N, C-alpha and C. Protein backbone atom coordinates (compact mmCIF):
# COMPACT_ATOMS: atom_id res chain seq x y z
N MET A 1 18.73 4.73 2.64
CA MET A 1 17.81 4.11 1.70
C MET A 1 18.42 2.79 1.23
N ASN A 2 17.69 1.73 1.42
CA ASN A 2 18.16 0.40 1.06
C ASN A 2 17.44 -0.07 -0.21
N PRO A 3 18.14 -0.13 -1.34
CA PRO A 3 17.48 -0.51 -2.59
C PRO A 3 16.95 -1.94 -2.58
N GLN A 4 17.33 -2.72 -1.60
CA GLN A 4 16.86 -4.11 -1.53
C GLN A 4 15.50 -4.22 -0.83
N LYS A 5 15.03 -3.13 -0.20
CA LYS A 5 13.75 -3.14 0.50
C LYS A 5 12.71 -2.43 -0.34
N ILE A 6 11.62 -3.15 -0.63
CA ILE A 6 10.57 -2.61 -1.49
C ILE A 6 9.23 -2.68 -0.75
N VAL A 7 8.54 -1.55 -0.71
CA VAL A 7 7.22 -1.48 -0.12
C VAL A 7 6.20 -1.49 -1.25
N ILE A 8 5.25 -2.41 -1.20
CA ILE A 8 4.20 -2.48 -2.20
C ILE A 8 2.90 -2.04 -1.53
N ALA A 9 2.36 -0.92 -2.00
CA ALA A 9 1.10 -0.42 -1.46
C ALA A 9 -0.01 -1.28 -2.03
N MET A 10 -0.50 -2.21 -1.24
CA MET A 10 -1.51 -3.16 -1.72
C MET A 10 -2.90 -2.54 -1.71
N PRO A 11 -3.49 -2.45 -2.88
CA PRO A 11 -4.84 -1.90 -2.96
C PRO A 11 -5.87 -2.96 -2.58
N THR A 12 -7.06 -2.51 -2.25
CA THR A 12 -8.15 -3.45 -2.00
C THR A 12 -9.17 -3.41 -3.14
N GLU A 13 -9.16 -2.35 -3.91
CA GLU A 13 -10.10 -2.23 -5.02
C GLU A 13 -9.61 -3.08 -6.19
N GLU A 14 -10.51 -3.81 -6.79
CA GLU A 14 -10.16 -4.70 -7.90
C GLU A 14 -9.59 -3.95 -9.11
N GLU A 15 -9.99 -2.69 -9.30
CA GLU A 15 -9.50 -1.94 -10.46
C GLU A 15 -7.98 -1.75 -10.42
N PHE A 16 -7.38 -1.81 -9.25
CA PHE A 16 -5.94 -1.64 -9.12
C PHE A 16 -5.17 -2.95 -9.28
N MET A 17 -5.82 -4.07 -9.01
CA MET A 17 -5.12 -5.34 -8.95
C MET A 17 -4.44 -5.77 -10.26
N PRO A 18 -5.02 -5.53 -11.44
CA PRO A 18 -4.31 -5.95 -12.66
C PRO A 18 -2.93 -5.30 -12.79
N SER A 19 -2.80 -4.04 -12.44
CA SER A 19 -1.50 -3.37 -12.55
C SER A 19 -0.48 -3.96 -11.59
N ILE A 20 -0.89 -4.14 -10.35
CA ILE A 20 0.00 -4.71 -9.34
C ILE A 20 0.35 -6.14 -9.70
N SER A 21 -0.63 -6.91 -10.10
CA SER A 21 -0.42 -8.32 -10.45
C SER A 21 0.51 -8.46 -11.66
N ARG A 22 0.26 -7.66 -12.68
CA ARG A 22 1.11 -7.70 -13.88
C ARG A 22 2.57 -7.38 -13.51
N TRP A 23 2.76 -6.34 -12.72
CA TRP A 23 4.11 -5.97 -12.28
C TRP A 23 4.71 -7.12 -11.46
N GLY A 24 3.92 -7.70 -10.56
CA GLY A 24 4.41 -8.79 -9.71
C GLY A 24 4.85 -10.00 -10.49
N HIS A 25 4.13 -10.34 -11.54
CA HIS A 25 4.50 -11.50 -12.35
C HIS A 25 5.76 -11.25 -13.17
N GLU A 26 6.05 -9.99 -13.49
CA GLU A 26 7.22 -9.67 -14.30
C GLU A 26 8.45 -9.33 -13.45
N TYR A 27 8.24 -9.07 -12.18
CA TYR A 27 9.32 -8.61 -11.31
C TYR A 27 10.25 -9.75 -10.91
N VAL A 28 11.53 -9.45 -10.77
CA VAL A 28 12.51 -10.44 -10.30
C VAL A 28 12.61 -10.28 -8.78
N TRP A 29 12.10 -11.27 -8.06
CA TRP A 29 11.95 -11.16 -6.61
C TRP A 29 13.20 -11.52 -5.83
N THR A 30 14.20 -12.10 -6.46
CA THR A 30 15.37 -12.55 -5.71
C THR A 30 16.13 -11.37 -5.11
N LYS A 31 16.70 -11.62 -3.95
CA LYS A 31 17.54 -10.67 -3.24
C LYS A 31 16.81 -9.37 -2.90
N ARG A 32 15.51 -9.44 -2.71
CA ARG A 32 14.73 -8.28 -2.32
C ARG A 32 13.97 -8.60 -1.04
N GLU A 33 13.89 -7.63 -0.18
CA GLU A 33 13.08 -7.75 1.02
C GLU A 33 11.79 -7.00 0.71
N THR A 34 10.67 -7.71 0.69
CA THR A 34 9.42 -7.14 0.21
C THR A 34 8.43 -6.95 1.35
N TYR A 35 7.80 -5.79 1.37
CA TYR A 35 6.82 -5.42 2.38
C TYR A 35 5.51 -5.09 1.68
N PHE A 36 4.49 -5.91 1.88
CA PHE A 36 3.16 -5.64 1.34
C PHE A 36 2.39 -4.90 2.42
N VAL A 37 1.95 -3.69 2.10
CA VAL A 37 1.32 -2.83 3.11
C VAL A 37 -0.01 -2.30 2.60
N ASN A 38 -1.00 -2.34 3.46
CA ASN A 38 -2.28 -1.71 3.19
C ASN A 38 -2.55 -0.76 4.34
N VAL A 39 -2.87 0.49 4.02
CA VAL A 39 -3.18 1.48 5.05
C VAL A 39 -4.66 1.81 4.95
N ILE A 40 -5.38 1.57 6.02
CA ILE A 40 -6.82 1.84 6.08
C ILE A 40 -7.03 3.22 6.68
N LYS A 41 -7.87 3.99 6.02
CA LYS A 41 -8.16 5.34 6.50
C LYS A 41 -8.92 5.27 7.80
N LYS A 42 -8.44 6.05 8.76
CA LYS A 42 -9.07 6.14 10.07
C LYS A 42 -9.54 7.58 10.25
N ASP A 43 -10.79 7.76 10.56
CA ASP A 43 -11.34 9.09 10.80
C ASP A 43 -11.41 9.34 12.30
N ILE A 44 -10.98 10.51 12.70
CA ILE A 44 -11.05 10.90 14.11
C ILE A 44 -11.80 12.22 14.17
N SER A 45 -12.86 12.23 14.96
CA SER A 45 -13.64 13.47 15.12
C SER A 45 -13.77 13.79 16.60
N VAL A 46 -13.80 15.08 16.88
CA VAL A 46 -13.92 15.55 18.25
C VAL A 46 -15.22 16.34 18.36
N SER A 47 -15.99 16.01 19.38
CA SER A 47 -17.23 16.74 19.64
C SER A 47 -17.37 16.90 21.15
N GLU A 48 -18.49 17.51 21.56
CA GLU A 48 -18.70 17.65 23.00
C GLU A 48 -18.89 16.30 23.69
N MET A 49 -19.18 15.27 22.88
CA MET A 49 -19.32 13.92 23.42
C MET A 49 -17.97 13.24 23.63
N GLY A 50 -16.91 13.80 23.05
CA GLY A 50 -15.58 13.22 23.19
C GLY A 50 -14.95 12.94 21.84
N VAL A 51 -13.92 12.12 21.85
CA VAL A 51 -13.21 11.75 20.63
C VAL A 51 -13.80 10.45 20.10
N GLU A 52 -14.12 10.45 18.81
CA GLU A 52 -14.68 9.26 18.18
C GLU A 52 -13.78 8.83 17.04
N GLU A 53 -13.40 7.55 17.04
CA GLU A 53 -12.57 6.99 15.98
C GLU A 53 -13.39 6.02 15.14
N THR A 54 -13.21 6.13 13.82
CA THR A 54 -13.87 5.21 12.90
C THR A 54 -12.81 4.62 11.99
N PRO A 55 -12.59 3.33 11.93
CA PRO A 55 -13.31 2.31 12.67
C PRO A 55 -12.94 2.33 14.15
N ASP A 56 -13.86 1.85 14.97
CA ASP A 56 -13.60 1.81 16.41
C ASP A 56 -12.62 0.70 16.75
N LYS A 57 -12.15 0.70 17.97
CA LYS A 57 -11.12 -0.26 18.39
C LYS A 57 -11.56 -1.71 18.24
N ALA A 58 -12.82 -1.97 18.46
CA ALA A 58 -13.32 -3.35 18.34
C ALA A 58 -13.27 -3.82 16.89
N THR A 59 -13.49 -2.91 15.95
CA THR A 59 -13.51 -3.26 14.54
C THR A 59 -12.10 -3.36 13.95
N VAL A 60 -11.16 -2.62 14.53
CA VAL A 60 -9.80 -2.56 13.99
C VAL A 60 -9.16 -3.94 13.87
N GLU A 61 -9.20 -4.74 14.92
CA GLU A 61 -8.56 -6.07 14.88
C GLU A 61 -9.21 -6.99 13.86
N LYS A 62 -10.53 -6.93 13.77
CA LYS A 62 -11.24 -7.75 12.79
C LYS A 62 -10.85 -7.34 11.37
N LEU A 63 -10.85 -6.04 11.11
CA LEU A 63 -10.46 -5.52 9.79
C LEU A 63 -9.02 -5.86 9.47
N LYS A 64 -8.17 -5.73 10.47
CA LYS A 64 -6.74 -6.01 10.27
C LYS A 64 -6.53 -7.45 9.82
N GLN A 65 -7.18 -8.39 10.45
CA GLN A 65 -7.01 -9.80 10.07
C GLN A 65 -7.59 -10.08 8.69
N GLN A 66 -8.74 -9.50 8.39
CA GLN A 66 -9.33 -9.68 7.06
C GLN A 66 -8.41 -9.15 5.97
N MET A 67 -7.85 -7.97 6.20
CA MET A 67 -6.97 -7.36 5.20
C MET A 67 -5.66 -8.12 5.08
N LEU A 68 -5.12 -8.62 6.18
CA LEU A 68 -3.90 -9.43 6.12
C LEU A 68 -4.14 -10.67 5.27
N ASP A 69 -5.26 -11.33 5.48
CA ASP A 69 -5.60 -12.51 4.68
C ASP A 69 -5.71 -12.14 3.20
N PHE A 70 -6.36 -11.02 2.91
CA PHE A 70 -6.56 -10.57 1.53
C PHE A 70 -5.22 -10.29 0.85
N ILE A 71 -4.35 -9.49 1.49
CA ILE A 71 -3.09 -9.13 0.82
C ILE A 71 -2.15 -10.32 0.71
N LYS A 72 -2.21 -11.24 1.67
CA LYS A 72 -1.39 -12.45 1.56
C LYS A 72 -1.84 -13.30 0.38
N ASN A 73 -3.14 -13.45 0.21
CA ASN A 73 -3.65 -14.22 -0.93
C ASN A 73 -3.26 -13.59 -2.26
N LYS A 74 -3.36 -12.28 -2.37
CA LYS A 74 -2.99 -11.58 -3.61
C LYS A 74 -1.48 -11.70 -3.86
N ALA A 75 -0.68 -11.58 -2.80
CA ALA A 75 0.77 -11.68 -2.94
C ALA A 75 1.17 -13.10 -3.35
N ARG A 76 0.51 -14.09 -2.78
CA ARG A 76 0.79 -15.50 -3.10
C ARG A 76 0.57 -15.77 -4.59
N GLU A 77 -0.41 -15.09 -5.19
CA GLU A 77 -0.72 -15.27 -6.61
C GLU A 77 0.35 -14.68 -7.53
N MET A 78 1.11 -13.70 -7.05
CA MET A 78 2.01 -12.98 -7.95
C MET A 78 3.50 -13.22 -7.73
N MET A 79 3.86 -14.03 -6.75
CA MET A 79 5.28 -14.22 -6.50
C MET A 79 5.62 -15.66 -6.20
N PRO A 80 6.88 -16.04 -6.42
CA PRO A 80 7.31 -17.41 -6.13
C PRO A 80 7.20 -17.73 -4.63
N VAL A 81 7.05 -18.99 -4.31
CA VAL A 81 6.86 -19.43 -2.93
C VAL A 81 8.01 -18.99 -2.03
N LEU A 82 9.25 -19.14 -2.49
CA LEU A 82 10.40 -18.74 -1.67
C LEU A 82 10.35 -17.26 -1.31
N ALA A 83 10.00 -16.42 -2.26
CA ALA A 83 9.91 -14.98 -2.00
C ALA A 83 8.73 -14.68 -1.07
N PHE A 84 7.62 -15.38 -1.28
CA PHE A 84 6.44 -15.18 -0.44
C PHE A 84 6.75 -15.51 1.01
N ASN A 85 7.47 -16.60 1.23
CA ASN A 85 7.80 -17.02 2.60
C ASN A 85 8.69 -16.02 3.33
N LYS A 86 9.40 -15.17 2.60
CA LYS A 86 10.26 -14.16 3.22
C LYS A 86 9.61 -12.78 3.29
N ALA A 87 8.45 -12.63 2.68
CA ALA A 87 7.79 -11.33 2.61
C ALA A 87 7.20 -10.91 3.96
N HIS A 88 7.04 -9.60 4.12
CA HIS A 88 6.43 -9.01 5.31
C HIS A 88 5.06 -8.47 4.91
N PHE A 89 4.11 -8.54 5.83
CA PHE A 89 2.76 -8.07 5.56
C PHE A 89 2.30 -7.18 6.71
N GLU A 90 1.79 -6.00 6.36
CA GLU A 90 1.36 -5.03 7.37
C GLU A 90 0.02 -4.43 6.99
N VAL A 91 -0.83 -4.24 7.97
CA VAL A 91 -2.05 -3.45 7.82
C VAL A 91 -1.95 -2.35 8.86
N LEU A 92 -1.99 -1.12 8.39
CA LEU A 92 -1.85 0.04 9.26
C LEU A 92 -3.12 0.87 9.20
N PHE A 93 -3.34 1.71 10.19
CA PHE A 93 -4.49 2.61 10.24
C PHE A 93 -3.97 4.02 10.44
N ALA A 94 -4.52 4.98 9.67
CA ALA A 94 -4.06 6.36 9.79
C ALA A 94 -5.09 7.30 9.20
N GLU A 95 -5.07 8.55 9.68
CA GLU A 95 -5.94 9.58 9.11
C GLU A 95 -5.56 9.86 7.66
N SER A 96 -4.27 9.82 7.37
CA SER A 96 -3.81 10.02 6.00
C SER A 96 -3.00 8.80 5.57
N PRO A 97 -3.60 7.90 4.80
CA PRO A 97 -2.89 6.69 4.38
C PRO A 97 -1.59 6.97 3.63
N ALA A 98 -1.56 7.96 2.76
CA ALA A 98 -0.34 8.26 2.01
C ALA A 98 0.77 8.73 2.95
N ASP A 99 0.43 9.59 3.89
CA ASP A 99 1.41 10.06 4.87
C ASP A 99 1.98 8.89 5.67
N ARG A 100 1.08 8.01 6.11
CA ARG A 100 1.52 6.87 6.93
C ARG A 100 2.40 5.91 6.14
N LEU A 101 2.06 5.69 4.87
CA LEU A 101 2.87 4.80 4.04
C LEU A 101 4.27 5.39 3.83
N ALA A 102 4.36 6.69 3.62
CA ALA A 102 5.66 7.35 3.48
C ALA A 102 6.46 7.22 4.78
N GLU A 103 5.80 7.40 5.92
CA GLU A 103 6.47 7.23 7.22
C GLU A 103 6.98 5.80 7.38
N TYR A 104 6.15 4.84 7.02
CA TYR A 104 6.52 3.43 7.12
C TYR A 104 7.75 3.14 6.27
N ALA A 105 7.76 3.65 5.04
CA ALA A 105 8.92 3.44 4.16
C ALA A 105 10.19 4.01 4.80
N LYS A 106 10.05 5.14 5.44
CA LYS A 106 11.20 5.76 6.12
C LYS A 106 11.63 4.91 7.31
N GLU A 107 10.66 4.41 8.08
CA GLU A 107 10.95 3.58 9.26
C GLU A 107 11.76 2.34 8.91
N ILE A 108 11.44 1.71 7.79
CA ILE A 108 12.14 0.47 7.42
C ILE A 108 13.31 0.74 6.48
N ASN A 109 13.52 2.01 6.13
CA ASN A 109 14.62 2.39 5.25
C ASN A 109 14.46 1.77 3.85
N ALA A 110 13.25 1.90 3.31
CA ALA A 110 12.94 1.31 2.00
C ALA A 110 13.64 2.06 0.87
N GLY A 111 13.91 1.34 -0.20
CA GLY A 111 14.52 1.93 -1.38
C GLY A 111 13.52 2.29 -2.45
N MET A 112 12.31 1.70 -2.36
CA MET A 112 11.29 1.97 -3.38
C MET A 112 9.91 1.62 -2.84
N ILE A 113 8.92 2.41 -3.29
CA ILE A 113 7.51 2.12 -3.02
C ILE A 113 6.85 1.89 -4.37
N VAL A 114 6.03 0.84 -4.46
CA VAL A 114 5.28 0.54 -5.67
C VAL A 114 3.81 0.82 -5.37
N VAL A 115 3.17 1.64 -6.22
CA VAL A 115 1.77 2.00 -6.02
C VAL A 115 1.04 2.01 -7.36
N ALA A 116 -0.20 1.56 -7.36
CA ALA A 116 -1.02 1.59 -8.58
C ALA A 116 -1.90 2.84 -8.54
N THR A 117 -2.25 3.33 -9.73
CA THR A 117 -3.14 4.47 -9.82
C THR A 117 -4.35 4.11 -10.68
N ARG A 118 -5.39 4.90 -10.58
CA ARG A 118 -6.65 4.62 -11.31
C ARG A 118 -6.50 4.85 -12.81
N ASN A 119 -7.42 4.27 -13.53
CA ASN A 119 -7.47 4.44 -14.98
C ASN A 119 -8.40 5.60 -15.32
N LYS A 120 -7.91 6.81 -15.11
CA LYS A 120 -8.73 7.99 -15.39
C LYS A 120 -8.69 8.30 -16.87
N ARG A 121 -9.75 8.89 -17.36
CA ARG A 121 -9.87 9.25 -18.77
C ARG A 121 -9.93 10.78 -18.92
N GLY A 122 -9.65 11.26 -20.09
CA GLY A 122 -9.78 12.68 -20.38
C GLY A 122 -8.78 13.53 -19.64
N PHE A 123 -9.18 14.76 -19.33
CA PHE A 123 -8.28 15.72 -18.68
C PHE A 123 -7.81 15.21 -17.32
N SER A 124 -8.71 14.60 -16.54
CA SER A 124 -8.32 14.10 -15.21
C SER A 124 -7.30 12.97 -15.32
N GLY A 125 -7.25 12.29 -16.46
CA GLY A 125 -6.30 11.20 -16.66
C GLY A 125 -4.87 11.66 -16.80
N LEU A 126 -4.68 12.96 -16.98
CA LEU A 126 -3.33 13.50 -17.06
C LEU A 126 -2.64 13.52 -15.71
N PHE A 127 -3.41 13.41 -14.66
CA PHE A 127 -2.88 13.52 -13.31
C PHE A 127 -2.99 12.19 -12.57
N LEU A 128 -2.17 12.04 -11.56
CA LEU A 128 -2.21 10.83 -10.74
C LEU A 128 -3.32 10.95 -9.71
N SER A 129 -3.65 9.85 -9.08
CA SER A 129 -4.63 9.90 -7.99
C SER A 129 -4.05 10.75 -6.86
N SER A 130 -4.92 11.23 -6.01
CA SER A 130 -4.44 12.05 -4.89
C SER A 130 -3.52 11.24 -3.99
N PHE A 131 -3.79 9.93 -3.83
CA PHE A 131 -2.94 9.08 -3.00
C PHE A 131 -1.53 8.99 -3.60
N ALA A 132 -1.44 8.65 -4.89
CA ALA A 132 -0.13 8.52 -5.55
C ALA A 132 0.59 9.86 -5.58
N ASP A 133 -0.13 10.93 -5.86
CA ASP A 133 0.48 12.25 -5.92
C ASP A 133 1.05 12.64 -4.55
N ARG A 134 0.28 12.43 -3.51
CA ARG A 134 0.75 12.76 -2.16
C ARG A 134 1.95 11.90 -1.79
N LEU A 135 1.91 10.63 -2.14
CA LEU A 135 3.01 9.72 -1.86
C LEU A 135 4.29 10.18 -2.56
N LEU A 136 4.16 10.63 -3.80
CA LEU A 136 5.33 11.15 -4.54
C LEU A 136 5.95 12.34 -3.82
N LYS A 137 5.12 13.19 -3.24
CA LYS A 137 5.62 14.38 -2.54
C LYS A 137 6.29 14.05 -1.22
N LEU A 138 5.80 13.03 -0.52
CA LEU A 138 6.26 12.73 0.83
C LEU A 138 7.30 11.62 0.93
N SER A 139 7.39 10.81 -0.08
CA SER A 139 8.21 9.61 0.00
C SER A 139 9.69 9.90 0.23
N PRO A 140 10.31 9.13 1.12
CA PRO A 140 11.73 9.28 1.37
C PRO A 140 12.58 8.50 0.34
N CYS A 141 11.90 7.83 -0.60
CA CYS A 141 12.61 6.99 -1.57
C CYS A 141 11.92 7.06 -2.93
N ASP A 142 12.41 6.31 -3.89
CA ASP A 142 11.80 6.27 -5.22
C ASP A 142 10.38 5.69 -5.13
N VAL A 143 9.53 6.16 -6.04
CA VAL A 143 8.15 5.66 -6.11
C VAL A 143 7.91 5.21 -7.53
N LEU A 144 7.50 3.95 -7.69
CA LEU A 144 7.11 3.43 -8.99
C LEU A 144 5.59 3.46 -9.06
N VAL A 145 5.06 4.28 -9.96
CA VAL A 145 3.61 4.41 -10.13
C VAL A 145 3.19 3.55 -11.30
N LEU A 146 2.31 2.59 -11.05
CA LEU A 146 1.83 1.69 -12.09
C LEU A 146 0.48 2.17 -12.59
N ARG A 147 0.43 2.46 -13.86
CA ARG A 147 -0.84 2.85 -14.48
C ARG A 147 -1.47 1.61 -15.08
N PRO A 148 -2.80 1.60 -15.19
CA PRO A 148 -3.44 0.45 -15.81
C PRO A 148 -3.12 0.39 -17.31
N ASN A 149 -3.40 -0.75 -17.93
CA ASN A 149 -3.15 -0.88 -19.37
C ASN A 149 -3.87 0.19 -20.14
């Protein structure tokens, strides 16, 4: 586990961005190797017609480029230029995004994963999202869970 490597689970939903952005503006980026990662859920179904993947292979590359552009723009807003120029950006596809993110963190020997969770109210607000909860169970390293204000 390398404490200098940090994986940031980049959300696409706007409700998560304030937490990630606030953390990014307060974080000290020097001497850290940063990986911004978005994992898109991929559904695989088997029928008598064969195996069907959603999104299909033709859509994957288009989605991947769109998401890379999105996470790069969000990262550029929250970190200094020098840190941004050294950052890594990944878009992955998996049946279980949390499982894949934990695997990715292990592959790069990350020291921490940063993830935002929803602003739940009432009894459900006592618990983390299923993504964050699963990530906590599977992660090979520390997980920083950012709750909204």
